[in-house]
Each structure stands twice: as structure tokens, then as C-alpha cells.
Amino acid sequence: MLVGLLYYRPLHDYFDASSQRAARVAEVRQLEKQQATLERRLRHASSDAALEAAARTLGYIRPGDHLFIVKDIPQWRRRQHGGSHAALRGHGR
């Protein structure tokens, strides 16, 4: 019995450390996956196409391009839909 008590603590510590190691290994794998995802997103975000798209959303244009500002789109749509309904009603008479 004394021998069993002498081995209990080291065996308990060994199995505890082993389970903690397994948890850390799983955590490291998850963090490596996150890092790979973030590196892919960074490469995409710093590509020329992504930078150009972001610049265009901010209103920047390339040299030689022409900027057109379209206003009152909802009003134009109402007139388009209203005009087509009126034309269809006029045809039925």
C-alpha cells in the first residue's frame, strides 16, 4: 500500500500534464488555422484589385476616367414605374 501511495502523486501529475498538453496542442492548431485565414485575408486586402475597389468606394477615380454623379435615383424609378403603369392603362381604353 505504501508503494501505491508513493506512485500516486507522480502518476497523477503525469496524466494531468498529458491532458494539459493535449489541450494546448489543440489550441495551437486552432490558432494556426486562424493565422492562415488572416494571412489570406491580408494578401487579398492588399491586392491591387481590392485597393482599387476600396478607392472607388471612397470616390477616387483613375487618371483619365470620367466621374458621373447620379442623383435622385428613387425619384427616377418612381417616374419610370409610374409612366409604364400609365401607358398600360392608356392602352386598355
N, C-alpha and C. Protein backbone atom coordinates (compact mmCIF):
# COMPACT_ATOMS: atom_id res chain seq x y z
N MET A 1 0.81 -1.19 0.00
CA MET A 1 0.00 0.00 0.00
C MET A 1 0.86 1.26 0.00
N LEU A 2 1.93 1.24 0.73
CA LEU A 2 2.84 2.39 0.77
C LEU A 2 3.42 2.67 -0.61
N VAL A 3 3.72 1.61 -1.35
CA VAL A 3 4.27 1.78 -2.70
C VAL A 3 3.24 2.45 -3.60
N GLY A 4 1.97 2.07 -3.45
CA GLY A 4 0.89 2.68 -4.24
C GLY A 4 0.75 4.16 -3.93
N LEU A 5 0.86 4.53 -2.70
CA LEU A 5 0.78 5.95 -2.32
C LEU A 5 1.97 6.73 -2.85
N LEU A 6 3.13 6.12 -2.88
CA LEU A 6 4.32 6.81 -3.39
C LEU A 6 4.23 7.04 -4.89
N TYR A 7 3.55 6.16 -5.61
CA TYR A 7 3.41 6.32 -7.06
C TYR A 7 2.18 7.15 -7.46
N TYR A 8 1.26 7.34 -6.54
CA TYR A 8 0.02 8.04 -6.88
C TYR A 8 0.29 9.47 -7.37
N ARG A 9 1.02 10.22 -6.61
CA ARG A 9 1.23 11.64 -6.94
C ARG A 9 1.96 11.82 -8.27
N PRO A 10 3.08 11.13 -8.51
CA PRO A 10 3.75 11.30 -9.81
C PRO A 10 2.88 10.86 -10.98
N LEU A 11 2.14 9.78 -10.82
CA LEU A 11 1.26 9.33 -11.91
C LEU A 11 0.13 10.34 -12.15
N HIS A 12 -0.43 10.86 -11.08
CA HIS A 12 -1.48 11.87 -11.21
C HIS A 12 -0.95 13.10 -11.93
N ASP A 13 0.22 13.57 -11.55
CA ASP A 13 0.83 14.74 -12.19
C ASP A 13 1.13 14.47 -13.66
N TYR A 14 1.58 13.25 -13.96
CA TYR A 14 1.89 12.89 -15.34
C TYR A 14 0.63 12.93 -16.21
N PHE A 15 -0.45 12.32 -15.76
CA PHE A 15 -1.68 12.31 -16.54
C PHE A 15 -2.29 13.69 -16.64
N ASP A 16 -2.17 14.49 -15.60
CA ASP A 16 -2.67 15.87 -15.63
C ASP A 16 -1.88 16.69 -16.66
N ALA A 17 -0.56 16.55 -16.64
CA ALA A 17 0.28 17.28 -17.60
C ALA A 17 0.00 16.81 -19.02
N SER A 18 -0.23 15.53 -19.19
CA SER A 18 -0.52 14.99 -20.51
C SER A 18 -1.82 15.56 -21.08
N SER A 19 -2.85 15.66 -20.25
CA SER A 19 -4.12 16.21 -20.73
C SER A 19 -3.99 17.71 -21.00
N GLN A 20 -3.21 18.40 -20.18
CA GLN A 20 -2.98 19.83 -20.44
C GLN A 20 -2.23 20.03 -21.74
N ARG A 21 -1.26 19.16 -22.02
CA ARG A 21 -0.51 19.25 -23.26
C ARG A 21 -1.43 19.05 -24.46
N ALA A 22 -2.31 18.07 -24.38
CA ALA A 22 -3.24 17.80 -25.48
C ALA A 22 -4.14 19.01 -25.72
N ALA A 23 -4.57 19.66 -24.66
CA ALA A 23 -5.41 20.86 -24.80
C ALA A 23 -4.61 21.98 -25.46
N ARG A 24 -3.36 22.15 -25.07
CA ARG A 24 -2.53 23.22 -25.66
C ARG A 24 -2.23 22.94 -27.13
N VAL A 25 -2.00 21.68 -27.47
CA VAL A 25 -1.74 21.32 -28.87
C VAL A 25 -2.97 21.65 -29.72
N ALA A 26 -4.15 21.33 -29.22
CA ALA A 26 -5.38 21.64 -29.96
C ALA A 26 -5.55 23.15 -30.09
N GLU A 27 -5.21 23.89 -29.04
CA GLU A 27 -5.32 25.35 -29.09
C GLU A 27 -4.34 25.93 -30.11
N VAL A 28 -3.12 25.41 -30.15
CA VAL A 28 -2.12 25.88 -31.11
C VAL A 28 -2.59 25.60 -32.53
N ARG A 29 -3.16 24.43 -32.78
CA ARG A 29 -3.67 24.11 -34.13
C ARG A 29 -4.76 25.08 -34.54
N GLN A 30 -5.66 25.39 -33.62
CA GLN A 30 -6.74 26.34 -33.91
C GLN A 30 -6.17 27.73 -34.22
N LEU A 31 -5.19 28.15 -33.45
CA LEU A 31 -4.57 29.46 -33.68
C LEU A 31 -3.81 29.49 -35.00
N GLU A 32 -3.20 28.39 -35.38
CA GLU A 32 -2.50 28.33 -36.68
C GLU A 32 -3.50 28.45 -37.83
N LYS A 33 -4.67 27.83 -37.68
CA LYS A 33 -5.71 27.96 -38.71
C LYS A 33 -6.18 29.41 -38.82
N GLN A 34 -6.38 30.04 -37.66
CA GLN A 34 -6.80 31.45 -37.66
C GLN A 34 -5.74 32.33 -38.30
N GLN A 35 -4.48 32.06 -38.01
CA GLN A 35 -3.39 32.84 -38.59
C GLN A 35 -3.37 32.69 -40.12
N ALA A 36 -3.55 31.47 -40.61
CA ALA A 36 -3.56 31.24 -42.05
C ALA A 36 -4.71 31.99 -42.70
N THR A 37 -5.88 31.98 -42.06
CA THR A 37 -7.03 32.70 -42.59
C THR A 37 -6.76 34.20 -42.63
N LEU A 38 -6.20 34.72 -41.56
CA LEU A 38 -5.90 36.16 -41.51
C LEU A 38 -4.83 36.55 -42.53
N GLU A 39 -3.84 35.69 -42.74
CA GLU A 39 -2.82 35.99 -43.76
C GLU A 39 -3.42 36.01 -45.15
N ARG A 40 -4.36 35.08 -45.43
CA ARG A 40 -5.04 35.09 -46.74
C ARG A 40 -5.85 36.37 -46.91
N ARG A 41 -6.58 36.76 -45.85
CA ARG A 41 -7.37 37.99 -45.94
C ARG A 41 -6.49 39.21 -46.14
N LEU A 42 -5.33 39.23 -45.49
CA LEU A 42 -4.40 40.35 -45.65
C LEU A 42 -3.86 40.41 -47.07
N ARG A 43 -3.48 39.24 -47.62
CA ARG A 43 -2.99 39.23 -49.02
C ARG A 43 -4.07 39.73 -49.97
N HIS A 44 -5.31 39.29 -49.76
CA HIS A 44 -6.40 39.74 -50.64
C HIS A 44 -6.65 41.24 -50.47
N ALA A 45 -6.67 41.71 -49.21
CA ALA A 45 -6.98 43.12 -48.96
C ALA A 45 -5.89 44.03 -49.49
N SER A 46 -4.64 43.54 -49.59
CA SER A 46 -3.59 44.40 -50.11
C SER A 46 -3.33 44.19 -51.60
N SER A 47 -4.17 43.41 -52.25
CA SER A 47 -4.01 43.24 -53.70
C SER A 47 -4.44 44.52 -54.42
N ASP A 48 -3.95 44.68 -55.62
CA ASP A 48 -4.28 45.88 -56.39
C ASP A 48 -5.78 45.99 -56.65
N ALA A 49 -6.43 44.88 -56.94
CA ALA A 49 -7.86 44.90 -57.23
C ALA A 49 -8.66 45.34 -56.00
N ALA A 50 -8.30 44.84 -54.82
CA ALA A 50 -9.02 45.21 -53.60
C ALA A 50 -8.78 46.68 -53.26
N LEU A 51 -7.54 47.13 -53.42
CA LEU A 51 -7.24 48.53 -53.13
C LEU A 51 -7.99 49.46 -54.10
N GLU A 52 -8.06 49.06 -55.36
CA GLU A 52 -8.78 49.87 -56.34
C GLU A 52 -10.26 49.92 -56.01
N ALA A 53 -10.83 48.80 -55.64
CA ALA A 53 -12.26 48.76 -55.28
C ALA A 53 -12.53 49.64 -54.06
N ALA A 54 -11.65 49.58 -53.07
CA ALA A 54 -11.82 50.42 -51.88
C ALA A 54 -11.70 51.89 -52.23
N ALA A 55 -10.76 52.23 -53.10
CA ALA A 55 -10.58 53.63 -53.50
C ALA A 55 -11.81 54.12 -54.26
N ARG A 56 -12.39 53.27 -55.10
CA ARG A 56 -13.58 53.69 -55.85
C ARG A 56 -14.77 53.90 -54.92
N THR A 57 -14.90 53.11 -53.87
CA THR A 57 -16.00 53.34 -52.92
C THR A 57 -15.82 54.66 -52.18
N LEU A 58 -14.58 55.11 -52.08
CA LEU A 58 -14.31 56.41 -51.44
C LEU A 58 -14.45 57.57 -52.42
N GLY A 59 -14.71 57.26 -53.69
CA GLY A 59 -14.92 58.32 -54.67
C GLY A 59 -13.70 58.64 -55.51
N TYR A 60 -12.62 57.90 -55.36
CA TYR A 60 -11.43 58.14 -56.17
C TYR A 60 -11.62 57.54 -57.55
N ILE A 61 -11.02 58.18 -58.54
CA ILE A 61 -11.08 57.66 -59.90
C ILE A 61 -9.66 57.60 -60.45
N ARG A 62 -9.48 56.81 -61.48
CA ARG A 62 -8.17 56.70 -62.12
C ARG A 62 -7.95 57.89 -63.04
N PRO A 63 -6.72 58.27 -63.26
CA PRO A 63 -6.46 59.34 -64.22
C PRO A 63 -7.01 58.96 -65.59
N GLY A 64 -7.74 59.87 -66.19
CA GLY A 64 -8.33 59.62 -67.50
C GLY A 64 -9.76 59.13 -67.43
N ASP A 65 -10.22 58.64 -66.28
CA ASP A 65 -11.62 58.22 -66.12
C ASP A 65 -12.51 59.44 -65.96
N HIS A 66 -13.77 59.29 -66.26
CA HIS A 66 -14.73 60.36 -66.08
C HIS A 66 -15.66 60.00 -64.94
N LEU A 67 -15.89 60.95 -64.07
CA LEU A 67 -16.76 60.73 -62.91
C LEU A 67 -18.15 61.22 -63.24
N PHE A 68 -19.14 60.36 -63.04
CA PHE A 68 -20.53 60.73 -63.21
C PHE A 68 -21.22 60.59 -61.86
N ILE A 69 -21.92 61.62 -61.44
CA ILE A 69 -22.67 61.58 -60.19
C ILE A 69 -24.15 61.54 -60.56
N VAL A 70 -24.81 60.48 -60.16
CA VAL A 70 -26.22 60.30 -60.47
C VAL A 70 -27.01 60.59 -59.22
N LYS A 71 -27.96 61.51 -59.33
CA LYS A 71 -28.77 61.90 -58.19
C LYS A 71 -30.23 61.49 -58.41
N ASP A 72 -30.97 61.43 -57.34
CA ASP A 72 -32.42 61.20 -57.36
C ASP A 72 -32.82 59.91 -58.06
N ILE A 73 -32.11 58.84 -57.82
CA ILE A 73 -32.44 57.55 -58.42
C ILE A 73 -33.81 57.07 -57.97
N PRO A 74 -34.18 57.16 -56.67
CA PRO A 74 -35.52 56.73 -56.27
C PRO A 74 -36.63 57.50 -57.00
N GLN A 75 -36.44 58.79 -57.18
CA GLN A 75 -37.42 59.60 -57.89
C GLN A 75 -37.51 59.15 -59.35
N TRP A 76 -36.38 58.88 -59.97
CA TRP A 76 -36.36 58.41 -61.36
C TRP A 76 -37.09 57.08 -61.47
N ARG A 77 -36.87 56.17 -60.52
CA ARG A 77 -37.54 54.88 -60.56
C ARG A 77 -39.06 55.03 -60.42
N ARG A 78 -39.47 55.93 -59.54
CA ARG A 78 -40.92 56.16 -59.39
C ARG A 78 -41.52 56.67 -60.70
N ARG A 79 -40.83 57.57 -61.36
CA ARG A 79 -41.34 58.08 -62.64
C ARG A 79 -41.37 56.98 -63.69
N GLN A 80 -40.34 56.12 -63.71
CA GLN A 80 -40.31 55.03 -64.70
C GLN A 80 -41.46 54.06 -64.46
N HIS A 81 -41.67 53.67 -63.22
CA HIS A 81 -42.75 52.73 -62.92
C HIS A 81 -44.11 53.40 -63.08
N GLY A 82 -44.19 54.64 -62.70
CA GLY A 82 -45.47 55.36 -62.85
C GLY A 82 -45.82 55.56 -64.31
N GLY A 83 -44.82 55.87 -65.12
CA GLY A 83 -45.04 56.09 -66.55
C GLY A 83 -45.45 54.81 -67.26
N SER A 84 -44.87 53.68 -66.88
CA SER A 84 -45.21 52.42 -67.55
C SER A 84 -46.62 51.98 -67.16
N HIS A 85 -47.03 52.25 -65.91
CA HIS A 85 -48.38 51.88 -65.50
C HIS A 85 -49.40 52.77 -66.21
N ALA A 86 -49.06 54.02 -66.37
CA ALA A 86 -49.99 54.93 -67.06
C ALA A 86 -50.11 54.53 -68.52
N ALA A 87 -49.00 54.13 -69.15
CA ALA A 87 -49.06 53.72 -70.55
C ALA A 87 -49.89 52.45 -70.70
N LEU A 88 -49.75 51.54 -69.77
CA LEU A 88 -50.54 50.31 -69.85
C LEU A 88 -52.02 50.59 -69.65
N ARG A 89 -52.36 51.52 -68.76
CA ARG A 89 -53.75 51.86 -68.55
C ARG A 89 -54.33 52.55 -69.77
N GLY A 90 -53.51 53.36 -70.42
CA GLY A 90 -53.98 54.06 -71.61
C GLY A 90 -54.26 53.10 -72.77
N HIS A 91 -53.53 52.00 -72.84
CA HIS A 91 -53.70 51.02 -73.91
C HIS A 91 -55.02 50.28 -73.77
N GLY A 92 -55.48 50.09 -72.55
CA GLY A 92 -56.69 49.30 -72.33
C GLY A 92 -57.95 50.02 -72.74
N ARG A 93 -57.92 51.30 -72.93
CA ARG A 93 -59.12 52.08 -73.26
C ARG A 93 -59.49 51.99 -74.68
